[in-house]
N, C-alpha and C. Protein backbone atom coordinates (compact mmCIF):
# COMPACT_ATOMS: atom_id res chain seq x y z
N MET A 1 1.96 -11.04 -46.04
CA MET A 1 0.81 -10.42 -45.43
C MET A 1 1.06 -10.28 -43.94
N ALA A 2 0.69 -9.16 -43.39
CA ALA A 2 0.92 -8.88 -41.97
C ALA A 2 -0.04 -9.66 -41.10
N LYS A 3 0.43 -9.96 -39.92
CA LYS A 3 -0.38 -10.71 -38.96
C LYS A 3 -1.47 -9.80 -38.39
N ALA A 4 -2.66 -10.32 -38.26
CA ALA A 4 -3.77 -9.53 -37.72
C ALA A 4 -3.54 -9.26 -36.23
N LYS A 5 -3.82 -8.03 -35.83
CA LYS A 5 -3.64 -7.66 -34.43
C LYS A 5 -4.77 -8.23 -33.60
N GLY A 6 -4.44 -8.56 -32.37
CA GLY A 6 -5.46 -9.06 -31.44
C GLY A 6 -6.29 -7.92 -30.90
N PRO A 7 -7.22 -8.24 -30.04
CA PRO A 7 -8.07 -7.19 -29.48
C PRO A 7 -7.24 -6.25 -28.59
N ALA A 8 -7.58 -4.97 -28.65
CA ALA A 8 -6.87 -3.98 -27.84
C ALA A 8 -7.22 -4.18 -26.37
N GLY A 9 -6.24 -4.00 -25.52
CA GLY A 9 -6.48 -4.17 -24.09
C GLY A 9 -5.17 -4.18 -23.35
N VAL A 10 -5.21 -4.70 -22.16
CA VAL A 10 -4.03 -4.74 -21.31
C VAL A 10 -3.15 -5.91 -21.73
N SER A 11 -1.87 -5.63 -21.95
CA SER A 11 -0.95 -6.73 -22.23
C SER A 11 -0.58 -7.36 -20.90
N ASN A 12 -0.27 -8.62 -20.94
CA ASN A 12 0.07 -9.40 -19.73
C ASN A 12 -1.08 -9.42 -18.72
N ARG A 13 -2.26 -9.55 -19.21
CA ARG A 13 -3.43 -9.55 -18.33
C ARG A 13 -3.37 -10.70 -17.33
N HIS A 14 -2.83 -11.84 -17.75
CA HIS A 14 -2.76 -12.99 -16.85
C HIS A 14 -1.84 -12.71 -15.66
N ILE A 15 -0.81 -11.89 -15.86
CA ILE A 15 0.09 -11.55 -14.75
C ILE A 15 -0.61 -10.60 -13.78
N TYR A 16 -1.31 -9.63 -14.30
CA TYR A 16 -2.09 -8.73 -13.44
C TYR A 16 -3.14 -9.50 -12.65
N SER A 17 -3.76 -10.48 -13.31
CA SER A 17 -4.77 -11.30 -12.62
C SER A 17 -4.13 -12.12 -11.51
N ARG A 18 -2.96 -12.63 -11.76
CA ARG A 18 -2.27 -13.42 -10.72
C ARG A 18 -1.87 -12.55 -9.54
N VAL A 19 -1.34 -11.37 -9.81
CA VAL A 19 -0.96 -10.44 -8.74
C VAL A 19 -2.19 -10.04 -7.93
N SER A 20 -3.29 -9.77 -8.62
CA SER A 20 -4.52 -9.39 -7.93
C SER A 20 -5.04 -10.53 -7.06
N TYR A 21 -4.98 -11.75 -7.58
CA TYR A 21 -5.43 -12.90 -6.80
C TYR A 21 -4.57 -13.08 -5.55
N LEU A 22 -3.25 -12.98 -5.69
CA LEU A 22 -2.36 -13.15 -4.54
C LEU A 22 -2.62 -12.07 -3.49
N HIS A 23 -2.88 -10.84 -3.93
CA HIS A 23 -3.18 -9.76 -2.99
C HIS A 23 -4.49 -10.02 -2.25
N GLN A 24 -5.51 -10.44 -2.98
CA GLN A 24 -6.81 -10.71 -2.36
C GLN A 24 -6.72 -11.88 -1.39
N ALA A 25 -5.99 -12.92 -1.75
CA ALA A 25 -5.85 -14.08 -0.86
C ALA A 25 -5.08 -13.70 0.40
N ALA A 26 -4.02 -12.90 0.26
CA ALA A 26 -3.25 -12.46 1.41
C ALA A 26 -4.09 -11.57 2.31
N HIS A 27 -4.91 -10.72 1.72
CA HIS A 27 -5.79 -9.84 2.49
C HIS A 27 -6.81 -10.66 3.28
N TYR A 28 -7.39 -11.65 2.64
CA TYR A 28 -8.37 -12.51 3.31
C TYR A 28 -7.73 -13.25 4.48
N LEU A 29 -6.55 -13.83 4.26
CA LEU A 29 -5.87 -14.58 5.32
C LEU A 29 -5.44 -13.68 6.47
N ALA A 30 -4.98 -12.47 6.14
CA ALA A 30 -4.56 -11.55 7.20
C ALA A 30 -5.75 -11.11 8.05
N LEU A 31 -6.89 -10.89 7.41
CA LEU A 31 -8.08 -10.50 8.17
C LEU A 31 -8.60 -11.65 9.03
N SER A 32 -8.50 -12.88 8.53
CA SER A 32 -8.98 -14.01 9.32
C SER A 32 -8.00 -14.38 10.42
N ALA A 33 -6.73 -13.97 10.30
CA ALA A 33 -5.73 -14.28 11.32
C ALA A 33 -5.78 -13.31 12.49
N THR A 34 -6.27 -12.09 12.25
CA THR A 34 -6.30 -11.11 13.33
C THR A 34 -7.46 -11.42 14.26
N PRO A 35 -7.25 -11.35 15.58
CA PRO A 35 -8.33 -11.65 16.51
C PRO A 35 -9.38 -10.55 16.50
N LYS A 36 -10.61 -10.95 16.51
CA LYS A 36 -11.72 -10.02 16.51
C LYS A 36 -12.26 -9.87 17.94
N THR A 37 -12.59 -8.66 18.34
CA THR A 37 -13.12 -8.43 19.68
C THR A 37 -14.55 -8.94 19.78
N ALA A 38 -15.28 -8.93 18.67
CA ALA A 38 -16.67 -9.40 18.70
C ALA A 38 -16.71 -10.92 18.90
N ALA A 39 -15.72 -11.63 18.37
CA ALA A 39 -15.69 -13.08 18.51
C ALA A 39 -15.41 -13.49 19.95
N ALA A 40 -14.68 -12.67 20.69
CA ALA A 40 -14.37 -13.00 22.07
C ALA A 40 -15.62 -12.91 22.95
N GLY A 41 -16.50 -11.97 22.66
CA GLY A 41 -17.70 -11.80 23.47
C GLY A 41 -18.82 -12.74 23.09
N ASN A 42 -18.82 -13.25 21.88
CA ASN A 42 -19.90 -14.10 21.40
C ASN A 42 -19.36 -15.50 21.17
N PRO A 43 -19.73 -16.49 21.98
CA PRO A 43 -19.18 -17.84 21.82
C PRO A 43 -19.62 -18.50 20.51
N GLN A 44 -20.79 -18.13 19.99
CA GLN A 44 -21.26 -18.71 18.73
C GLN A 44 -20.33 -18.33 17.59
N VAL A 45 -19.91 -17.05 17.55
CA VAL A 45 -19.00 -16.60 16.50
C VAL A 45 -17.66 -17.29 16.65
N ALA A 46 -17.19 -17.47 17.90
CA ALA A 46 -15.92 -18.14 18.14
C ALA A 46 -15.97 -19.60 17.68
N ARG A 47 -17.10 -20.29 17.91
CA ARG A 47 -17.23 -21.67 17.46
C ARG A 47 -17.24 -21.73 15.94
N ASP A 48 -17.96 -20.78 15.29
CA ASP A 48 -17.99 -20.75 13.84
C ASP A 48 -16.60 -20.51 13.27
N LYS A 49 -15.85 -19.65 13.91
CA LYS A 49 -14.49 -19.34 13.46
C LYS A 49 -13.60 -20.58 13.55
N SER A 50 -13.71 -21.31 14.67
CA SER A 50 -12.87 -22.50 14.83
C SER A 50 -13.32 -23.62 13.90
N ALA A 51 -14.59 -23.62 13.53
CA ALA A 51 -15.09 -24.67 12.64
C ALA A 51 -14.60 -24.47 11.21
N THR A 52 -14.38 -23.22 10.81
CA THR A 52 -13.97 -22.98 9.43
C THR A 52 -12.51 -23.28 9.21
N THR A 53 -11.66 -23.05 10.21
CA THR A 53 -10.23 -23.32 10.06
C THR A 53 -9.74 -24.12 11.26
N PRO A 54 -10.03 -25.42 11.32
CA PRO A 54 -9.68 -26.19 12.50
C PRO A 54 -8.18 -26.48 12.61
N ASN A 55 -7.47 -26.59 11.50
CA ASN A 55 -6.08 -27.01 11.54
C ASN A 55 -5.09 -25.86 11.55
N GLN A 56 -5.56 -24.63 11.28
CA GLN A 56 -4.63 -23.52 11.16
C GLN A 56 -4.80 -22.56 12.32
N THR A 57 -3.69 -22.16 12.89
CA THR A 57 -3.70 -21.16 13.95
C THR A 57 -3.57 -19.79 13.29
N PRO A 58 -3.87 -18.72 14.04
CA PRO A 58 -3.72 -17.39 13.43
C PRO A 58 -2.30 -17.09 12.95
N SER A 59 -1.29 -17.61 13.64
CA SER A 59 0.08 -17.35 13.18
C SER A 59 0.36 -18.07 11.86
N ALA A 60 -0.21 -19.26 11.66
CA ALA A 60 -0.02 -19.97 10.40
C ALA A 60 -0.71 -19.23 9.26
N GLU A 61 -1.89 -18.67 9.53
CA GLU A 61 -2.57 -17.90 8.50
C GLU A 61 -1.80 -16.63 8.17
N MET A 62 -1.20 -16.00 9.19
CA MET A 62 -0.43 -14.79 8.94
C MET A 62 0.84 -15.12 8.15
N ASN A 63 1.47 -16.25 8.45
CA ASN A 63 2.65 -16.66 7.69
C ASN A 63 2.30 -16.96 6.24
N LEU A 64 1.14 -17.57 6.02
CA LEU A 64 0.70 -17.84 4.66
C LEU A 64 0.40 -16.54 3.93
N SER A 65 -0.18 -15.58 4.64
CA SER A 65 -0.45 -14.27 4.06
C SER A 65 0.85 -13.59 3.66
N ARG A 66 1.86 -13.67 4.52
CA ARG A 66 3.17 -13.08 4.18
C ARG A 66 3.79 -13.77 2.97
N GLN A 67 3.63 -15.09 2.88
CA GLN A 67 4.16 -15.82 1.74
C GLN A 67 3.48 -15.38 0.44
N TYR A 68 2.17 -15.19 0.48
CA TYR A 68 1.45 -14.73 -0.71
C TYR A 68 1.91 -13.34 -1.12
N LEU A 69 2.12 -12.46 -0.13
CA LEU A 69 2.57 -11.10 -0.45
C LEU A 69 3.99 -11.12 -1.01
N SER A 70 4.83 -12.00 -0.51
CA SER A 70 6.17 -12.14 -1.04
C SER A 70 6.12 -12.64 -2.49
N ASN A 71 5.26 -13.61 -2.75
CA ASN A 71 5.08 -14.11 -4.12
C ASN A 71 4.55 -13.02 -5.04
N MET A 72 3.62 -12.20 -4.53
CA MET A 72 3.05 -11.11 -5.32
C MET A 72 4.14 -10.13 -5.73
N ARG A 73 5.02 -9.79 -4.78
CA ARG A 73 6.09 -8.86 -5.09
C ARG A 73 7.07 -9.46 -6.10
N SER A 74 7.41 -10.73 -5.92
CA SER A 74 8.37 -11.34 -6.84
C SER A 74 7.80 -11.49 -8.24
N VAL A 75 6.51 -11.80 -8.36
CA VAL A 75 5.88 -11.91 -9.68
C VAL A 75 5.88 -10.56 -10.38
N SER A 76 5.52 -9.50 -9.65
CA SER A 76 5.46 -8.18 -10.28
C SER A 76 6.86 -7.67 -10.63
N LEU A 77 7.86 -8.00 -9.83
CA LEU A 77 9.22 -7.59 -10.17
C LEU A 77 9.76 -8.37 -11.37
N LYS A 78 9.48 -9.66 -11.42
CA LYS A 78 9.99 -10.47 -12.53
C LYS A 78 9.33 -10.10 -13.85
N ALA A 79 8.03 -9.81 -13.81
CA ALA A 79 7.32 -9.46 -15.03
C ALA A 79 7.44 -7.97 -15.37
N VAL A 80 8.07 -7.20 -14.50
CA VAL A 80 8.26 -5.76 -14.66
C VAL A 80 6.92 -5.07 -14.90
N ILE A 81 6.00 -5.28 -13.97
CA ILE A 81 4.74 -4.55 -14.00
C ILE A 81 4.67 -3.69 -12.76
N ARG A 82 3.93 -2.62 -12.84
CA ARG A 82 3.82 -1.69 -11.73
C ARG A 82 2.65 -2.06 -10.84
N GLN A 83 2.92 -2.03 -9.55
CA GLN A 83 1.83 -2.19 -8.59
C GLN A 83 1.22 -0.82 -8.35
N SER A 84 -0.05 -0.80 -7.99
CA SER A 84 -0.67 0.48 -7.69
C SER A 84 -0.11 1.04 -6.39
N ARG A 85 -0.26 2.33 -6.20
CA ARG A 85 0.24 2.98 -5.00
C ARG A 85 -0.41 2.41 -3.75
N ASP A 86 -1.70 2.13 -3.82
CA ASP A 86 -2.41 1.57 -2.67
C ASP A 86 -1.88 0.19 -2.30
N MET A 87 -1.59 -0.63 -3.29
CA MET A 87 -1.04 -1.96 -3.02
C MET A 87 0.32 -1.86 -2.34
N LYS A 88 1.15 -0.95 -2.84
CA LYS A 88 2.48 -0.81 -2.25
C LYS A 88 2.43 -0.26 -0.84
N GLN A 89 1.48 0.63 -0.57
CA GLN A 89 1.39 1.21 0.77
C GLN A 89 0.78 0.25 1.78
N GLU A 90 0.07 -0.76 1.32
CA GLU A 90 -0.54 -1.73 2.22
C GLU A 90 0.42 -2.79 2.71
N VAL A 91 1.61 -2.90 2.10
CA VAL A 91 2.53 -3.99 2.43
C VAL A 91 3.81 -3.42 3.01
N CYS A 92 4.26 -4.00 4.13
CA CYS A 92 5.55 -3.61 4.71
C CYS A 92 6.66 -4.20 3.85
N LYS A 93 7.61 -3.37 3.44
CA LYS A 93 8.69 -3.83 2.56
C LYS A 93 9.67 -4.76 3.28
N PHE A 94 9.73 -4.66 4.59
CA PHE A 94 10.77 -5.38 5.31
C PHE A 94 10.32 -6.76 5.77
N CYS A 95 9.04 -6.92 6.13
CA CYS A 95 8.60 -8.24 6.62
C CYS A 95 7.43 -8.80 5.83
N ASP A 96 6.99 -8.12 4.77
CA ASP A 96 5.88 -8.57 3.91
C ASP A 96 4.60 -8.82 4.70
N THR A 97 4.30 -7.95 5.64
CA THR A 97 3.05 -8.04 6.41
C THR A 97 2.06 -7.06 5.82
N LEU A 98 0.81 -7.49 5.69
CA LEU A 98 -0.24 -6.60 5.24
C LEU A 98 -0.56 -5.62 6.36
N GLN A 99 -0.57 -4.34 6.06
CA GLN A 99 -0.77 -3.30 7.07
C GLN A 99 -2.26 -3.06 7.29
N ILE A 100 -2.78 -3.58 8.40
CA ILE A 100 -4.17 -3.36 8.80
C ILE A 100 -4.12 -2.42 10.00
N ASP A 101 -4.66 -1.23 9.84
CA ASP A 101 -4.53 -0.20 10.87
C ASP A 101 -5.16 -0.64 12.18
N GLY A 102 -4.40 -0.54 13.24
CA GLY A 102 -4.87 -0.91 14.57
C GLY A 102 -4.59 -2.34 14.94
N GLU A 103 -4.24 -3.18 13.98
CA GLU A 103 -3.99 -4.59 14.27
C GLU A 103 -2.57 -5.01 13.91
N THR A 104 -2.15 -4.76 12.67
CA THR A 104 -0.79 -5.11 12.29
C THR A 104 0.08 -3.87 12.09
N CYS A 105 -0.50 -2.68 12.22
CA CYS A 105 0.27 -1.45 12.15
C CYS A 105 -0.44 -0.37 12.96
N HIS A 106 0.31 0.69 13.27
CA HIS A 106 -0.24 1.81 14.01
C HIS A 106 0.08 3.08 13.24
N SER A 107 -0.92 3.93 13.03
CA SER A 107 -0.74 5.15 12.25
C SER A 107 -0.85 6.37 13.16
N THR A 108 0.04 7.31 12.93
CA THR A 108 0.00 8.60 13.63
C THR A 108 0.33 9.69 12.63
N VAL A 109 -0.11 10.91 12.94
CA VAL A 109 0.22 12.06 12.11
C VAL A 109 1.20 12.92 12.90
N GLU A 110 2.35 13.20 12.30
CA GLU A 110 3.38 14.01 12.94
C GLU A 110 3.55 15.30 12.17
N ASN A 111 3.94 16.33 12.91
CA ASN A 111 4.30 17.60 12.31
C ASN A 111 5.46 18.15 13.11
N LEU A 112 6.67 17.97 12.62
CA LEU A 112 7.87 18.35 13.34
C LEU A 112 8.39 19.73 12.95
N SER A 113 7.58 20.51 12.27
CA SER A 113 8.04 21.80 11.78
C SER A 113 7.74 22.91 12.79
N LYS A 114 8.74 23.39 13.45
CA LYS A 114 8.64 24.53 14.37
C LYS A 114 7.46 24.39 15.33
N GLY A 115 7.39 23.24 15.96
CA GLY A 115 6.31 23.01 16.92
C GLY A 115 4.96 22.76 16.27
N GLY A 116 4.93 22.36 15.04
CA GLY A 116 3.67 22.03 14.36
C GLY A 116 2.91 23.24 13.85
N ARG A 117 3.62 24.35 13.62
CA ARG A 117 2.93 25.56 13.17
C ARG A 117 2.66 25.56 11.66
N LYS A 118 3.33 24.69 10.92
CA LYS A 118 3.11 24.64 9.47
C LYS A 118 2.13 23.52 9.16
N PRO A 119 0.90 23.84 8.80
CA PRO A 119 -0.10 22.78 8.57
C PRO A 119 0.19 21.94 7.33
N TRP A 120 0.98 22.45 6.39
CA TRP A 120 1.28 21.69 5.18
C TRP A 120 2.41 20.69 5.38
N ALA A 121 2.99 20.65 6.58
CA ALA A 121 4.10 19.74 6.85
C ALA A 121 3.66 18.48 7.60
N ASP A 122 2.36 18.17 7.57
CA ASP A 122 1.88 16.97 8.24
C ASP A 122 2.38 15.72 7.51
N VAL A 123 2.78 14.72 8.29
CA VAL A 123 3.30 13.47 7.73
C VAL A 123 2.60 12.31 8.43
N LEU A 124 2.05 11.40 7.64
CA LEU A 124 1.44 10.19 8.18
C LEU A 124 2.54 9.16 8.38
N VAL A 125 2.67 8.68 9.63
CA VAL A 125 3.68 7.68 9.96
C VAL A 125 2.98 6.37 10.24
N VAL A 126 3.28 5.34 9.45
CA VAL A 126 2.69 4.02 9.61
C VAL A 126 3.79 3.10 10.13
N ARG A 127 3.64 2.62 11.37
CA ARG A 127 4.65 1.76 12.00
C ARG A 127 4.14 0.33 12.03
N CYS A 128 4.93 -0.58 11.46
CA CYS A 128 4.58 -2.00 11.41
C CYS A 128 4.69 -2.59 12.81
N ALA A 129 3.72 -3.38 13.21
CA ALA A 129 3.72 -3.97 14.54
C ALA A 129 4.63 -5.18 14.63
N SER A 130 4.91 -5.86 13.52
CA SER A 130 5.73 -7.06 13.59
C SER A 130 7.23 -6.76 13.51
N CYS A 131 7.65 -5.83 12.66
CA CYS A 131 9.09 -5.55 12.55
C CYS A 131 9.47 -4.19 13.11
N GLY A 132 8.52 -3.30 13.30
CA GLY A 132 8.80 -2.00 13.89
C GLY A 132 9.24 -0.94 12.90
N HIS A 133 9.31 -1.25 11.63
CA HIS A 133 9.73 -0.28 10.63
C HIS A 133 8.62 0.74 10.39
N ALA A 134 9.01 2.00 10.19
CA ALA A 134 8.03 3.07 9.97
C ALA A 134 8.16 3.59 8.54
N LYS A 135 6.99 3.81 7.91
CA LYS A 135 6.94 4.44 6.59
C LYS A 135 6.26 5.78 6.76
N ARG A 136 6.73 6.78 6.03
CA ARG A 136 6.24 8.13 6.18
C ARG A 136 5.68 8.62 4.84
N TYR A 137 4.46 9.20 4.90
CA TYR A 137 3.80 9.71 3.71
C TYR A 137 3.34 11.13 3.96
N PRO A 138 3.57 12.05 3.03
CA PRO A 138 3.04 13.41 3.21
C PRO A 138 1.52 13.39 3.12
N VAL A 139 0.88 14.15 4.01
CA VAL A 139 -0.58 14.10 4.08
C VAL A 139 -1.23 15.08 3.13
N SER A 140 -0.93 16.35 3.26
CA SER A 140 -1.65 17.34 2.47
C SER A 140 -0.73 18.16 1.58
N ALA A 141 0.46 17.66 1.32
CA ALA A 141 1.39 18.40 0.48
C ALA A 141 0.95 18.31 -0.98
N PRO A 142 0.91 19.44 -1.67
CA PRO A 142 0.55 19.37 -3.09
C PRO A 142 1.68 18.73 -3.88
N LYS A 143 1.31 18.04 -4.93
CA LYS A 143 2.30 17.36 -5.75
C LYS A 143 3.13 18.40 -6.50
N GLN A 144 4.44 18.25 -6.47
CA GLN A 144 5.32 19.21 -7.10
C GLN A 144 5.27 19.05 -8.61
N LYS A 145 5.35 20.18 -9.31
CA LYS A 145 5.31 20.14 -10.77
C LYS A 145 6.62 19.59 -11.31
N ARG A 146 6.55 19.12 -12.55
CA ARG A 146 7.76 18.64 -13.20
C ARG A 146 8.74 19.78 -13.38
N LYS A 147 10.01 19.43 -13.45
CA LYS A 147 11.06 20.44 -13.50
C LYS A 147 10.92 21.31 -14.74
N SER A 148 10.55 20.73 -15.84
CA SER A 148 10.42 21.52 -17.06
C SER A 148 9.33 22.57 -16.92
N LEU A 149 8.25 22.23 -16.22
CA LEU A 149 7.18 23.21 -16.02
C LEU A 149 7.59 24.27 -15.01
N ARG A 150 8.36 23.90 -14.01
CA ARG A 150 8.81 24.87 -13.01
C ARG A 150 9.78 25.86 -13.63
N ASP A 151 10.69 25.39 -14.46
CA ASP A 151 11.67 26.27 -15.07
C ASP A 151 11.01 27.25 -16.02
N SER A 152 10.04 26.80 -16.79
CA SER A 152 9.37 27.69 -17.73
C SER A 152 8.57 28.76 -17.00
N LYS A 153 8.06 28.44 -15.83
CA LYS A 153 7.30 29.41 -15.04
C LYS A 153 8.24 30.51 -14.55
N LYS A 154 9.43 30.13 -14.11
CA LYS A 154 10.40 31.13 -13.63
C LYS A 154 10.83 32.03 -14.79
N ASP A 155 11.02 31.43 -15.96
CA ASP A 155 11.41 32.22 -17.13
C ASP A 155 10.31 33.22 -17.49
N SER A 156 9.05 32.79 -17.43
CA SER A 156 7.94 33.70 -17.76
C SER A 156 7.82 34.81 -16.73
N GLU A 157 8.12 34.50 -15.45
CA GLU A 157 8.09 35.54 -14.42
C GLU A 157 9.20 36.56 -14.66
N LYS A 158 10.38 36.09 -15.07
CA LYS A 158 11.49 36.99 -15.36
C LYS A 158 11.13 37.89 -16.54
N GLU A 159 10.50 37.30 -17.57
CA GLU A 159 10.10 38.09 -18.73
C GLU A 159 9.07 39.13 -18.35
N ALA A 160 8.14 38.77 -17.45
CA ALA A 160 7.11 39.73 -17.03
C ALA A 160 7.72 40.88 -16.24
N THR A 161 8.70 40.62 -15.41
CA THR A 161 9.34 41.70 -14.65
C THR A 161 10.16 42.59 -15.56
N ILE A 162 10.76 42.00 -16.59
CA ILE A 162 11.54 42.81 -17.55
C ILE A 162 10.61 43.71 -18.35
N GLU A 163 9.44 43.18 -18.76
CA GLU A 163 8.48 43.97 -19.53
C GLU A 163 7.89 45.09 -18.68
N ASN A 164 7.68 44.86 -17.40
CA ASN A 164 7.08 45.87 -16.52
C ASN A 164 8.06 47.01 -16.23
N SER A 165 9.34 46.74 -16.27
CA SER A 165 10.30 47.79 -15.93
C SER A 165 10.76 48.57 -17.14
């Protein structure tokens, strides 16, 4: 007799849960490690901040955040699961720093095509503040079709020109 199947759902759910937990913990630690401008102006907020984490400095929290992100990457690679695009874009591949715009990274939009005359050639450049590495993402470029679909379109255009002549 065949074994009864379990409930349908995501396989390796415990691994996805672990990766999600590590990402959330790293995000929390990275946000608490970055200095806030509001805390500098308000002494009450600064006292509350020091009361919650008396033994850890911001650099220790950032190092712990990097360790969690490194663990997250190693778990997902070992279990051969895919991270979402947003998760991958939030982490620097070279130093495992969470990319927080304006604090741990700086974002600019470049267009190097003939003096910026081509609006579809915009590229978002995210430069990590800790290691200096830059990642580049196309901003408004449409996603290219699969090769099989592109080839069939060319064939249909050739057939249409042959029929018209």
